[in-house]
Amino acid sequence: MAPSVNAALADELLTINAIHPAALTHLSTSPDICALRLPAYPSISIRLSFPPSYPDSPPSVSGPETSGREGTRKGEGTRIAALVEETLTRVYQPGEPCVFVLIDDIAETVAREAEESDGTAGTDGELVESEPSGLFLPATPGSVAVGHSAKGRQAGIEEMYHALIRTHHITSRKKVAKLKQAADALGVYVLLRSGGSPGVMYVEGKEDGVNEWVGVVQRLRYKDYQLAARPAGIEGGESGKAESGGAGLHEVAAVKEFGLKMDEKGMLGWWRRAMGYTN
């Protein structure tokens, strides 16, 4: 009788491939060997070896299964294999299947690396958002450059500020929890379009709170991070409806719902311009 697949691994194969098709392919038994193909690197698969005692014992990385296809940089397979191995040492818990957690953790790591490669490094290694005008978003919380903030401080008037951020997606509940914690601590109103692509974030409150919250988002390294509307004072009739949703973090599931919330706040036109829907 041919040896059967480890029961815990068999369950993981079904679950993972239902969510990430072809992400984990079973290659052989005795021992169980699988090819892990990460969504961010479809041309590379990493060979994982699972002991009979899995998940009481961790899988091991044998190196790249396939690499070097068109569009793959030299040495990329080895680098990804090392990333998988390093991540395994962090996420594995004895007695608990770990491949799904491994995939999710690496997805966040790859997103951070994409942000770093697309941005400009600051003096302390944090990502800096460049602006043609010379204004920038420093890595230090609370020090975002805003064109007319100094004038407001000189006049002793505490304006309400807001900003808008776009990302490729917002799916990590760990990151959302950090955003909520920051919103509560800073006393700002935050609206998220989460659960898919695109991710949209609106923040509103006092100047320092808005600046610091934007800094928190920046350091979370969301994929395709874009500061669509930099922190600035809320103008005219818009300020009269500021914080209509109350401080804290609020979520909607669809861009249409996000637009309705912006309309309720009297900011639909501002939001549409910042999103690039209108000029």
Protein backbone atom coordinates (compact mmCIF):
# COMPACT_ATOMS: atom_id res chain seq x y z
CA MET A 1 0.00 0.00 0.00
CA ALA A 2 1.36 3.39 -0.96
CA PRO A 3 2.11 5.67 2.00
CA SER A 4 -0.53 8.32 2.64
CA VAL A 5 -0.08 12.05 3.05
CA ASN A 6 0.28 13.38 6.58
CA ALA A 7 -3.27 14.11 7.77
CA ALA A 8 -2.53 17.65 8.99
CA LEU A 9 -0.73 18.44 5.75
CA ALA A 10 -3.59 17.01 3.68
CA ASP A 11 -6.00 19.40 5.42
CA GLU A 12 -3.66 22.32 4.77
CA LEU A 13 -3.34 21.41 1.10
CA LEU A 14 -7.12 21.60 0.69
CA THR A 15 -7.52 24.82 2.66
CA ILE A 16 -4.58 26.72 1.18
CA ASN A 17 -5.30 25.81 -2.43
CA ALA A 18 -8.96 26.80 -2.01
CA ILE A 19 -7.79 30.31 -1.09
CA HIS A 20 -4.52 30.52 -3.06
CA PRO A 21 -4.88 28.15 -6.05
CA ALA A 22 -1.75 26.11 -6.78
CA ALA A 23 0.15 27.71 -3.90
CA LEU A 24 1.03 24.34 -2.35
CA THR A 25 1.62 21.26 -4.50
CA HIS A 26 2.26 17.82 -3.02
CA LEU A 27 5.21 16.19 -4.82
CA SER A 28 5.95 12.96 -2.94
CA THR A 29 5.56 10.99 0.28
CA SER A 30 8.06 9.34 2.66
CA PRO A 31 8.82 12.07 3.49
CA ASP A 32 6.07 14.40 2.38
CA ILE A 33 7.56 16.99 0.05
CA CYS A 34 5.63 19.96 -1.29
CA ALA A 35 6.37 22.86 -3.62
CA LEU A 36 5.35 26.23 -2.18
CA ARG A 37 4.57 28.86 -4.82
CA LEU A 38 4.11 32.33 -3.36
CA PRO A 39 1.52 34.57 -5.08
CA ALA A 40 4.05 37.42 -5.30
CA TYR A 41 6.60 35.18 -7.05
CA PRO A 42 4.67 32.86 -9.39
CA SER A 43 7.82 31.86 -11.31
CA ILE A 44 9.51 30.52 -8.16
CA SER A 45 8.52 27.56 -6.01
CA ILE A 46 10.25 26.49 -2.83
CA ARG A 47 10.63 22.84 -1.82
CA LEU A 48 9.37 22.05 1.69
CA SER A 49 9.96 18.73 3.46
CA PHE A 50 7.45 17.65 6.13
CA PRO A 51 8.46 15.08 8.76
CA PRO A 52 6.00 12.29 9.72
CA SER A 53 5.49 14.04 13.07
CA TYR A 54 4.28 17.31 11.47
CA PRO A 55 2.87 19.56 12.94
CA ASP A 56 4.58 18.48 16.17
CA SER A 57 7.82 19.02 14.27
CA PRO A 58 8.40 21.82 11.74
CA PRO A 59 8.88 21.45 7.99
CA SER A 60 12.28 22.24 6.52
CA VAL A 61 13.31 24.20 3.43
CA SER A 62 15.28 22.28 0.80
CA GLY A 63 15.79 25.24 -1.52
CA PRO A 64 14.18 26.46 -4.75
CA GLU A 65 12.15 23.89 -6.64
CA THR A 66 11.98 26.03 -9.79
CA SER A 67 13.53 29.39 -10.59
CA GLY A 68 15.28 31.27 -13.34
CA ARG A 69 12.28 31.62 -15.64
CA GLU A 70 11.77 34.70 -17.76
CA GLY A 71 11.38 37.79 -15.59
CA THR A 72 13.12 36.23 -12.58
CA ARG A 73 16.30 37.87 -11.38
CA LYS A 74 19.43 35.79 -10.87
CA GLY A 75 19.61 34.48 -7.32
CA GLU A 76 15.97 35.34 -6.62
CA GLY A 77 15.05 31.71 -5.91
CA THR A 78 17.79 31.40 -3.31
CA ARG A 79 16.73 34.69 -1.71
CA ILE A 80 13.08 33.62 -1.47
CA ALA A 81 14.10 30.23 -0.05
CA ALA A 82 16.06 32.05 2.66
CA LEU A 83 13.05 34.28 3.34
CA VAL A 84 10.80 31.22 3.73
CA GLU A 85 13.29 29.55 6.07
CA GLU A 86 13.65 32.67 8.23
CA THR A 87 9.88 33.12 8.38
CA LEU A 88 9.35 29.50 9.41
CA THR A 89 11.56 29.97 12.45
CA ARG A 90 9.31 32.86 13.55
CA VAL A 91 5.82 31.55 12.84
CA TYR A 92 6.08 27.85 13.64
CA GLN A 93 4.45 26.74 16.89
CA PRO A 94 4.77 23.06 17.92
CA GLY A 95 1.54 21.17 17.30
CA GLU A 96 0.04 23.82 14.97
CA PRO A 97 -0.01 23.64 11.15
CA CYS A 98 2.04 26.59 9.91
CA VAL A 99 1.98 26.84 6.12
CA PHE A 100 -1.06 29.12 5.88
CA VAL A 101 0.44 31.48 8.49
CA LEU A 102 3.75 31.27 6.62
CA ILE A 103 2.15 32.38 3.34
CA ASP A 104 0.30 35.26 5.02
CA ASP A 105 3.40 36.49 6.85
CA ILE A 106 5.55 36.38 3.70
CA ALA A 107 2.87 38.26 1.74
CA GLU A 108 3.19 41.13 4.21
CA THR A 109 6.99 40.99 4.05
CA VAL A 110 6.97 41.08 0.25
CA ALA A 111 4.59 44.05 0.32
CA ARG A 112 6.97 45.93 2.62
CA GLU A 113 9.90 45.18 0.32
CA ALA A 114 7.90 46.45 -2.66
CA GLU A 115 7.24 49.71 -0.81
CA GLU A 116 10.92 50.10 0.01
CA SER A 117 12.06 49.46 -3.55
CA ASP A 118 9.51 51.95 -4.95
CA GLY A 119 10.27 54.71 -2.44
CA THR A 120 13.20 56.78 -1.30
CA ALA A 121 15.11 55.80 1.82
CA GLY A 122 15.42 58.40 4.58
CA THR A 123 18.45 58.88 6.80
CA ASP A 124 17.16 56.38 9.35
CA GLY A 125 16.09 53.79 6.79
CA GLU A 126 12.38 54.67 6.80
CA LEU A 127 10.55 55.22 3.55
CA VAL A 128 10.10 58.87 2.54
CA GLU A 129 7.30 60.05 0.28
CA SER A 130 8.80 62.40 -2.31
CA GLU A 131 7.00 65.46 -3.64
CA PRO A 132 7.91 67.53 -6.74
CA SER A 133 7.55 70.69 -4.64
CA GLY A 134 10.22 69.55 -2.20
CA LEU A 135 7.73 68.81 0.57
CA PHE A 136 8.10 65.35 2.04
CA LEU A 137 6.64 63.00 4.59
CA PRO A 138 9.39 62.38 7.14
CA ALA A 139 9.69 59.09 8.97
CA THR A 140 9.45 60.89 12.32
CA PRO A 141 5.82 60.86 13.58
CA GLY A 142 4.12 64.23 13.78
CA SER A 143 6.51 66.06 11.47
CA VAL A 144 4.69 65.86 8.16
CA ALA A 145 5.28 68.96 6.07
CA VAL A 146 2.05 70.82 5.33
CA GLY A 147 1.95 74.00 3.30
CA HIS A 148 -0.15 76.23 5.57
CA SER A 149 0.20 74.60 9.00
CA ALA A 150 2.64 77.20 10.36
CA LYS A 151 0.22 80.01 9.56
CA GLY A 152 -2.53 78.28 11.53
CA ARG A 153 -0.26 77.84 14.55
CA GLN A 154 0.86 81.48 14.45
CA ALA A 155 -2.74 82.64 14.49
CA GLY A 156 -3.49 80.39 17.49
CA ILE A 157 -6.36 78.75 15.63
CA GLU A 158 -6.68 74.98 15.85
CA GLU A 159 -7.85 73.91 12.42
CA MET A 160 -9.30 70.53 11.59
CA TYR A 161 -7.06 68.60 9.21
CA HIS A 162 -7.61 65.62 6.94
CA ALA A 163 -5.71 63.35 4.55
CA LEU A 164 -6.42 60.51 2.13
CA ILE A 165 -4.31 57.41 1.47
CA ARG A 166 -4.59 54.74 -1.23
CA THR A 167 -2.99 51.30 -1.11
CA HIS A 168 -3.15 48.18 -3.23
CA HIS A 169 -5.34 46.48 -0.64
CA ILE A 170 -6.19 46.35 3.07
CA THR A 171 -6.62 42.77 4.27
CA SER A 172 -4.26 42.24 7.20
CA ARG A 173 -6.25 42.34 10.43
CA LYS A 174 -3.00 42.77 12.37
CA LYS A 175 -2.35 46.03 10.56
CA VAL A 176 -5.95 47.19 10.94
CA ALA A 177 -5.67 46.56 14.68
CA LYS A 178 -2.58 48.79 14.78
CA LEU A 179 -4.39 51.49 12.81
CA LYS A 180 -7.35 51.34 15.22
CA GLN A 181 -5.05 51.54 18.23
CA ALA A 182 -3.35 54.60 16.75
CA ALA A 183 -6.67 56.28 15.88
CA ASP A 184 -7.94 55.82 19.45
CA ALA A 185 -4.68 57.03 20.99
CA LEU A 186 -4.47 60.11 18.75
CA GLY A 187 -8.17 60.99 18.91
CA VAL A 188 -8.67 61.07 15.13
CA TYR A 189 -11.55 59.88 12.97
CA VAL A 190 -10.49 57.20 10.48
CA LEU A 191 -12.50 55.58 7.69
CA LEU A 192 -11.14 52.49 5.93
CA ARG A 193 -12.26 50.69 2.81
CA SER A 194 -10.89 47.26 3.74
CA GLY A 195 -11.20 43.65 2.65
CA GLY A 196 -9.87 43.98 -0.88
CA SER A 197 -8.42 46.19 -3.57
CA PRO A 198 -8.08 49.14 -3.60
CA GLY A 199 -7.50 50.02 0.01
CA VAL A 200 -8.62 53.55 0.90
CA MET A 201 -7.98 55.41 4.17
CA TYR A 202 -9.37 58.77 5.26
CA VAL A 203 -8.20 60.46 8.48
CA GLU A 204 -9.54 63.61 10.08
CA GLY A 205 -8.75 65.48 13.28
CA LYS A 206 -6.32 67.91 14.82
CA GLU A 207 -3.17 68.61 12.85
CA ASP A 208 -0.71 66.69 15.03
CA GLY A 209 -3.02 63.69 15.29
CA VAL A 210 -3.53 63.49 11.52
CA ASN A 211 0.19 63.83 10.84
CA GLU A 212 1.11 61.16 13.35
CA TRP A 213 -1.55 58.74 12.12
CA VAL A 214 -0.31 59.12 8.53
CA GLY A 215 3.17 58.31 9.84
CA VAL A 216 1.83 55.10 11.41
CA VAL A 217 0.35 54.01 8.06
CA GLN A 218 3.60 54.78 6.29
CA ARG A 219 5.63 52.62 8.63
CA LEU A 220 3.28 49.66 8.11
CA ARG A 221 4.60 49.45 4.51
CA TYR A 222 1.34 48.88 2.65
CA LYS A 223 1.78 47.77 -0.95
CA ASP A 224 1.41 50.60 -3.51
CA TYR A 225 1.15 53.17 -0.71
CA GLN A 226 0.10 56.55 -2.11
CA LEU A 227 -0.62 59.71 -0.14
CA ALA A 228 -3.45 60.82 -2.42
CA ALA A 229 -4.17 63.96 -0.40
CA ARG A 230 -1.50 65.22 1.98
CA PRO A 231 -2.50 66.45 5.46
CA ALA A 232 -4.09 69.88 5.07
CA GLY A 233 -6.68 72.07 6.74
CA ILE A 234 -10.31 71.32 5.94
CA GLU A 235 -11.62 74.22 3.91
CA GLY A 236 -14.89 76.11 3.86
CA GLY A 237 -18.13 74.20 4.26
CA GLU A 238 -16.28 70.92 4.64
CA SER A 239 -15.03 71.83 8.13
CA GLY A 240 -18.58 72.21 9.42
CA LYS A 241 -19.15 68.45 9.08
CA ALA A 242 -15.76 67.39 10.41
CA GLU A 243 -15.66 64.34 12.67
CA SER A 244 -19.31 63.52 11.93
CA GLY A 245 -18.50 59.83 12.49
CA GLY A 246 -16.77 60.33 15.86
CA ALA A 247 -13.14 59.58 16.74
CA GLY A 248 -11.86 56.04 16.22
CA LEU A 249 -11.60 53.68 13.28
CA HIS A 250 -14.60 52.82 11.09
CA GLU A 251 -14.66 50.32 8.20
CA VAL A 252 -16.72 49.88 5.05
CA ALA A 253 -16.56 47.01 2.59
CA ALA A 254 -17.03 48.83 -0.72
CA VAL A 255 -15.71 51.96 -2.43
CA LYS A 256 -19.32 52.99 -3.06
CA GLU A 257 -19.99 52.98 0.70
CA PHE A 258 -16.82 55.02 1.21
CA GLY A 259 -18.09 57.59 -1.28
CA LEU A 260 -21.44 57.81 0.51
CA LYS A 261 -19.64 58.50 3.78
CA MET A 262 -17.65 61.26 2.09
CA ASP A 263 -20.89 62.71 0.72
CA GLU A 264 -22.41 62.73 4.22
CA LYS A 265 -19.41 64.72 5.43
CA GLY A 266 -19.73 67.22 2.57
CA MET A 267 -16.42 66.08 1.07
CA LEU A 268 -17.49 64.09 -1.96
CA GLY A 269 -15.95 66.52 -4.46
CA TRP A 270 -12.66 66.68 -2.54
CA TRP A 271 -12.55 62.88 -2.28
CA ARG A 272 -13.31 62.34 -5.97
CA ARG A 273 -10.53 64.73 -6.98
CA ALA A 274 -8.04 63.09 -4.62
CA MET A 275 -8.95 59.63 -5.96
CA GLY A 276 -8.43 60.85 -9.53
CA TYR A 277 -12.05 60.37 -10.55
CA THR A 278 -12.43 64.03 -11.56
CA ASN A 279 -10.08 66.92 -12.29
